[in-house]
Amino acid sequence: QVQLVESGGGLVRPGASLGLSCVASTSLDIHNMGWYRQAPGKQREVVAVVLHDGTINYAASVRGRFTASRDKDKKTLSLHMNSLKSEDTAVYFCNAMAGNAPLIYWGQGTQVTVSS
């Protein structure tokens, strides 16, 4: 089992910055970790994925504005978001692929609202 707990969401104005954190509690080996988001009325979409080898893939809509980082020893994942836009408003979820199967695990999500 993997428990993921996100923190750091909130209400910010357009152009502002915000950081999200995710802490994983598990004895399993974690392979990939990522951030996803879901806006009202829309499907969940990938934001950034950090692969086991350290490669980071970003969605085109956030590339150059968002930076994901992972600490494998501390089992944490962060997302630093710059130049936030109203279209970044969503619930942001932390995701982990872990174990021998492997299986996918999700956090409960944290709300990010960008509004003037």
C-alpha atoms as a PDB file:
ATOM      1  CA  GLN A   1       0.000   0.000   0.000  1.00  0.00           C
ATOM      2  CA  VAL A   2       1.010   3.589  -0.652  1.00  0.00           C
ATOM      3  CA  GLN A   3      -0.507   6.580   1.093  1.00  0.00           C
ATOM      4  CA  LEU A   4      -0.022   9.908  -0.652  1.00  0.00           C
ATOM      5  CA  VAL A   5      -0.748  13.199   1.052  1.00  0.00           C
ATOM      6  CA  GLU A   6      -0.707  16.455  -0.889  1.00  0.00           C
ATOM      7  CA  SER A   7      -0.424  19.935   0.569  1.00  0.00           C
ATOM      8  CA  GLY A   8       0.114  23.501  -0.557  1.00  0.00           C
ATOM      9  CA  GLY A   9      -2.958  24.336  -2.585  1.00  0.00           C
ATOM     10  CA  GLY A  10      -4.778  27.620  -2.265  1.00  0.00           C
ATOM     11  CA  LEU A  11      -6.206  30.712  -3.912  1.00  0.00           C
ATOM     12  CA  VAL A  12      -3.807  32.939  -5.841  1.00  0.00           C
ATOM     13  CA  ARG A  13      -4.037  35.723  -8.405  1.00  0.00           C
ATOM     14  CA  PRO A  14      -3.057  35.275 -12.056  1.00  0.00           C
ATOM     15  CA  GLY A  15       0.681  35.563 -12.485  1.00  0.00           C
ATOM     16  CA  ALA A  16       1.435  34.378  -8.971  1.00  0.00           C
ATOM     17  CA  SER A  17       3.471  31.363  -7.900  1.00  0.00           C
ATOM     18  CA  LEU A  18       2.501  28.429  -5.726  1.00  0.00           C
ATOM     19  CA  GLY A  19       4.154  25.240  -4.533  1.00  0.00           C
ATOM     20  CA  LEU A  20       2.637  21.818  -3.955  1.00  0.00           C
ATOM     21  CA  SER A  21       4.107  18.933  -1.994  1.00  0.00           C
ATOM     22  CA  CYS A  22       3.313  15.244  -1.822  1.00  0.00           C
ATOM     23  CA  VAL A  23       4.596  12.830   0.799  1.00  0.00           C
ATOM     24  CA  ALA A  24       4.423   9.075   0.260  1.00  0.00           C
ATOM     25  CA  SER A  25       4.142   6.626   3.133  1.00  0.00           C
ATOM     26  CA  THR A  26       5.047   3.118   2.060  1.00  0.00           C
ATOM     27  CA  SER A  27       7.514   0.298   2.343  1.00  0.00           C
ATOM     28  CA  LEU A  28       7.163  -0.458  -1.356  1.00  0.00           C
ATOM     29  CA  ASP A  29       9.606   0.647  -4.010  1.00  0.00           C
ATOM     30  CA  ILE A  30       8.194   3.649  -5.843  1.00  0.00           C
ATOM     31  CA  HIS A  31       8.933   3.712  -9.551  1.00  0.00           C
ATOM     32  CA  ASN A  32       7.331   6.807 -11.068  1.00  0.00           C
ATOM     33  CA  MET A  33       5.617   9.736  -9.370  1.00  0.00           C
ATOM     34  CA  GLY A  34       3.549  12.406 -10.984  1.00  0.00           C
ATOM     35  CA  TRP A  35       1.161  15.311 -10.710  1.00  0.00           C
ATOM     36  CA  TYR A  36      -2.232  15.267 -12.384  1.00  0.00           C
ATOM     37  CA  ARG A  37      -5.072  17.744 -12.274  1.00  0.00           C
ATOM     38  CA  GLN A  38      -8.792  17.797 -12.849  1.00  0.00           C
ATOM     39  CA  ALA A  39     -10.735  20.948 -13.584  1.00  0.00           C
ATOM     40  CA  PRO A  40     -14.512  21.137 -13.081  1.00  0.00           C
ATOM     41  CA  GLY A  41     -16.315  19.316 -15.856  1.00  0.00           C
ATOM     42  CA  LYS A  42     -13.088  18.021 -17.391  1.00  0.00           C
ATOM     43  CA  GLN A  43     -11.162  14.776 -17.370  1.00  0.00           C
ATOM     44  CA  ARG A  44      -8.109  14.297 -15.203  1.00  0.00           C
ATOM     45  CA  GLU A  45      -4.957  15.196 -17.122  1.00  0.00           C
ATOM     46  CA  VAL A  46      -1.261  14.762 -16.577  1.00  0.00           C
ATOM     47  CA  VAL A  47       0.752  17.766 -15.427  1.00  0.00           C
ATOM     48  CA  ALA A  48       4.210  16.293 -14.864  1.00  0.00           C
ATOM     49  CA  VAL A  49       5.644  12.824 -14.373  1.00  0.00           C
ATOM     50  CA  VAL A  50       9.017  12.040 -12.812  1.00  0.00           C
ATOM     51  CA  LEU A  51      10.261   8.682 -14.027  1.00  0.00           C
ATOM     52  CA  HIS A  52      12.386   6.254 -12.042  1.00  0.00           C
ATOM     53  CA  ASP A  53      15.527   7.382 -13.861  1.00  0.00           C
ATOM     54  CA  GLY A  54      14.869  11.034 -13.069  1.00  0.00           C
ATOM     55  CA  THR A  55      13.467  12.013 -16.448  1.00  0.00           C
ATOM     56  CA  ILE A  56      10.661  14.554 -16.101  1.00  0.00           C
ATOM     57  CA  ASN A  57       7.899  14.863 -18.674  1.00  0.00           C
ATOM     58  CA  TYR A  58       5.647  17.915 -18.656  1.00  0.00           C
ATOM     59  CA  ALA A  59       2.329  18.637 -20.277  1.00  0.00           C
ATOM     60  CA  ALA A  60       2.724  21.194 -23.040  1.00  0.00           C
ATOM     61  CA  SER A  61       0.379  23.579 -21.239  1.00  0.00           C
ATOM     62  CA  VAL A  62       2.699  23.886 -18.215  1.00  0.00           C
ATOM     63  CA  ARG A  63       6.152  23.408 -19.738  1.00  0.00           C
ATOM     64  CA  GLY A  64       8.376  26.355 -18.878  1.00  0.00           C
ATOM     65  CA  ARG A  65       6.098  27.491 -16.033  1.00  0.00           C
ATOM     66  CA  PHE A  66       5.971  24.466 -13.732  1.00  0.00           C
ATOM     67  CA  THR A  67       8.873  22.563 -12.234  1.00  0.00           C
ATOM     68  CA  ALA A  68       8.519  19.115 -10.696  1.00  0.00           C
ATOM     69  CA  SER A  69      11.109  17.574  -8.428  1.00  0.00           C
ATOM     70  CA  ARG A  70      11.407  14.361  -6.502  1.00  0.00           C
ATOM     71  CA  ASP A  71      13.405  13.225  -3.510  1.00  0.00           C
ATOM     72  CA  LYS A  72      13.572   9.444  -3.749  1.00  0.00           C
ATOM     73  CA  ASP A  73      15.098   8.984  -0.303  1.00  0.00           C
ATOM     74  CA  LYS A  74      12.433  11.105   1.413  1.00  0.00           C
ATOM     75  CA  LYS A  75       9.703   9.769  -0.918  1.00  0.00           C
ATOM     76  CA  THR A  76       8.449  13.262  -1.672  1.00  0.00           C
ATOM     77  CA  LEU A  77       7.330  14.970  -4.843  1.00  0.00           C
ATOM     78  CA  SER A  78       7.045  18.709  -5.329  1.00  0.00           C
ATOM     79  CA  LEU A  79       5.571  20.982  -7.946  1.00  0.00           C
ATOM     80  CA  HIS A  80       6.557  24.629  -8.204  1.00  0.00           C
ATOM     81  CA  MET A  81       4.136  26.602 -10.328  1.00  0.00           C
ATOM     82  CA  ASN A  82       5.015  30.006 -11.765  1.00  0.00           C
ATOM     83  CA  SER A  83       2.998  32.449 -13.869  1.00  0.00           C
ATOM     84  CA  LEU A  84      -0.252  30.798 -12.897  1.00  0.00           C
ATOM     85  CA  LYS A  85      -3.241  31.281 -15.176  1.00  0.00           C
ATOM     86  CA  SER A  86      -6.956  30.938 -14.553  1.00  0.00           C
ATOM     87  CA  GLU A  87      -6.907  27.780 -16.663  1.00  0.00           C
ATOM     88  CA  ASP A  88      -4.573  26.184 -14.108  1.00  0.00           C
ATOM     89  CA  THR A  89      -7.481  26.121 -11.659  1.00  0.00           C
ATOM     90  CA  ALA A  90      -8.097  22.493 -10.730  1.00  0.00           C
ATOM     91  CA  VAL A  91      -7.749  19.847  -8.075  1.00  0.00           C
ATOM     92  CA  TYR A  92      -4.165  18.629  -8.219  1.00  0.00           C
ATOM     93  CA  PHE A  93      -3.479  14.975  -7.463  1.00  0.00           C
ATOM     94  CA  CYS A  94      -0.273  13.201  -6.601  1.00  0.00           C
ATOM     95  CA  ASN A  95       0.213   9.804  -8.242  1.00  0.00           C
ATOM     96  CA  ALA A  96       2.659   6.986  -7.646  1.00  0.00           C
ATOM     97  CA  MET A  97       3.440   3.722  -9.376  1.00  0.00           C
ATOM     98  CA  ALA A  98       4.832   1.299  -6.834  1.00  0.00           C
ATOM     99  CA  GLY A  99       5.487  -2.300  -5.935  1.00  0.00           C
ATOM    100  CA  ASN A 100       6.253  -5.376  -7.991  1.00  0.00           C
ATOM    101  CA  ALA A 101       2.887  -5.502  -9.813  1.00  0.00           C
ATOM    102  CA  PRO A 102       3.175  -2.436 -10.124  1.00  0.00           C
ATOM    103  CA  LEU A 103       0.031  -0.634  -8.984  1.00  0.00           C
ATOM    104  CA  ILE A 104      -1.092   2.979  -9.251  1.00  0.00           C
ATOM    105  CA  TYR A 105      -1.920   5.005  -6.160  1.00  0.00           C
ATOM    106  CA  TRP A 106      -3.559   8.430  -5.803  1.00  0.00           C
ATOM    107  CA  GLY A 107      -3.624  11.119  -3.167  1.00  0.00           C
ATOM    108  CA  GLN A 108      -6.814  12.846  -2.104  1.00  0.00           C
ATOM    109  CA  GLY A 109      -6.029  16.002  -4.083  1.00  0.00           C
ATOM    110  CA  THR A 110      -5.465  19.641  -3.224  1.00  0.00           C
ATOM    111  CA  GLN A 111      -7.387  22.567  -4.703  1.00  0.00           C
ATOM    112  CA  VAL A 112      -5.574  25.261  -6.671  1.00  0.00           C
ATOM    113  CA  THR A 113      -7.663  28.270  -7.654  1.00  0.00           C
ATOM    114  CA  VAL A 114      -6.267  31.058  -9.805  1.00  0.00           C
ATOM    115  CA  SER A 115      -8.556  34.055  -9.820  1.00  0.00           C
ATOM    116  CA  SER A 116      -8.420  37.812  -9.628  1.00  0.00           C
END
